[in-house]
Amino acid sequence: MQARVLNYRIIVEPEKMGKKTVYNAYCPVLGVADYGDSIDEVLESINDGIELALESLVKEGKEVPIENTELQMVTTAQVKVPAGAKLGYL
């Protein structure tokens, strides 16, 4: 039986830790999260985590979720912030 290739959405966000920036990655459909010192590192790590999660689902006889990434849209919203608000990067 040939392996099937699936696409999963991964959200990557930078996080300041003192003077250092780390990158958090999250796969919402599978609930898998990880972090790394670079984007490449966190993407490699989250990919390993996703594969491990899928192997676990198969081993337990559970259904592997299929995410239809072609129908999804990621966007931003431009909003007005009240005057005097303290702003900071996440």
Protein backbone atom coordinates (compact mmCIF):
# COMPACT_ATOMS: atom_id res chain seq x y z
CA MET A 1 0.00 0.00 0.00
CA GLN A 2 1.39 3.37 -1.04
CA ALA A 3 1.68 6.16 1.54
CA ARG A 4 -0.57 9.17 1.04
CA VAL A 5 0.77 12.71 1.40
CA LEU A 6 -1.40 15.16 3.36
CA ASN A 7 -1.04 18.91 3.89
CA TYR A 8 -1.55 20.45 7.33
CA ARG A 9 -1.70 24.13 8.20
CA ILE A 10 1.11 25.29 10.48
CA ILE A 11 1.14 28.67 12.21
CA VAL A 12 4.57 30.08 13.07
CA GLU A 13 4.95 33.06 15.38
CA PRO A 14 8.07 34.74 16.76
CA GLU A 15 8.35 35.24 20.52
CA LYS A 16 10.83 37.48 22.31
CA MET A 17 12.62 35.81 25.22
CA GLY A 18 14.79 38.58 26.62
CA LYS A 19 17.11 39.59 23.80
CA LYS A 20 16.56 36.32 21.97
CA THR A 21 13.76 35.48 19.53
CA VAL A 22 12.36 31.95 19.35
CA TYR A 23 9.73 30.65 16.95
CA ASN A 24 6.58 28.83 18.03
CA ALA A 25 4.81 26.53 15.58
CA TYR A 26 1.34 25.08 15.95
CA CYS A 27 -0.71 22.64 13.87
CA PRO A 28 -4.33 23.37 14.92
CA VAL A 29 -5.95 20.28 13.38
CA LEU A 30 -3.70 17.87 15.26
CA GLY A 31 -2.99 20.01 18.34
CA VAL A 32 0.76 19.62 17.82
CA ALA A 33 3.03 22.46 18.95
CA ASP A 34 6.79 23.03 19.21
CA TYR A 35 9.39 25.78 19.20
CA GLY A 36 12.86 26.39 17.81
CA ASP A 37 15.62 28.96 17.55
CA SER A 38 14.96 29.54 13.84
CA ILE A 39 12.08 29.15 11.42
CA ASP A 40 13.85 26.27 9.66
CA GLU A 41 14.46 24.53 12.99
CA VAL A 42 10.86 24.86 14.17
CA LEU A 43 9.46 23.70 10.82
CA GLU A 44 11.64 20.59 10.90
CA SER A 45 10.66 19.94 14.51
CA ILE A 46 6.90 20.43 13.99
CA ASN A 47 7.04 18.18 10.92
CA ASP A 48 8.56 15.42 13.08
CA GLY A 49 5.85 16.03 15.68
CA ILE A 50 3.09 15.79 13.08
CA GLU A 51 4.49 12.52 11.74
CA LEU A 52 4.67 11.14 15.27
CA ALA A 53 1.07 12.20 15.96
CA LEU A 54 -0.12 10.50 12.75
CA GLU A 55 1.79 7.30 13.57
CA SER A 56 0.17 7.31 17.01
CA LEU A 57 -3.32 7.75 15.55
CA VAL A 58 -2.77 4.87 13.13
CA LYS A 59 -1.33 2.62 15.85
CA GLU A 60 -4.37 3.34 18.06
CA GLY A 61 -6.75 2.60 15.17
CA LYS A 62 -8.08 6.16 15.17
CA GLU A 63 -9.07 8.21 12.15
CA VAL A 64 -6.39 10.49 10.67
CA PRO A 65 -7.90 13.96 10.09
CA ILE A 66 -7.66 15.38 6.59
CA GLU A 67 -7.42 19.16 6.38
CA ASN A 68 -8.60 20.78 3.17
CA THR A 69 -6.04 23.58 3.00
CA GLU A 70 -7.15 24.60 -0.51
CA LEU A 71 -10.48 25.90 0.88
CA GLN A 72 -8.91 27.89 3.74
CA MET A 73 -7.97 31.53 3.74
CA VAL A 74 -5.60 33.31 6.09
CA THR A 75 -6.02 37.07 6.31
CA THR A 76 -5.53 40.03 8.65
CA ALA A 77 -7.86 42.74 9.90
CA GLN A 78 -6.92 46.43 9.92
CA VAL A 79 -8.50 48.05 12.98
CA LYS A 80 -8.31 51.39 14.78
CA VAL A 81 -6.67 51.28 18.22
CA PRO A 82 -7.98 53.66 20.89
CA ALA A 83 -5.80 56.71 21.53
CA GLY A 84 -3.38 56.25 24.42
CA ALA A 85 -3.21 52.46 24.08
CA LYS A 86 0.11 50.86 25.05
CA LEU A 87 1.31 48.81 22.08
CA GLY A 88 3.75 45.92 22.20
CA TYR A 89 4.77 43.07 19.96
CA LEU A 90 3.72 39.57 20.96
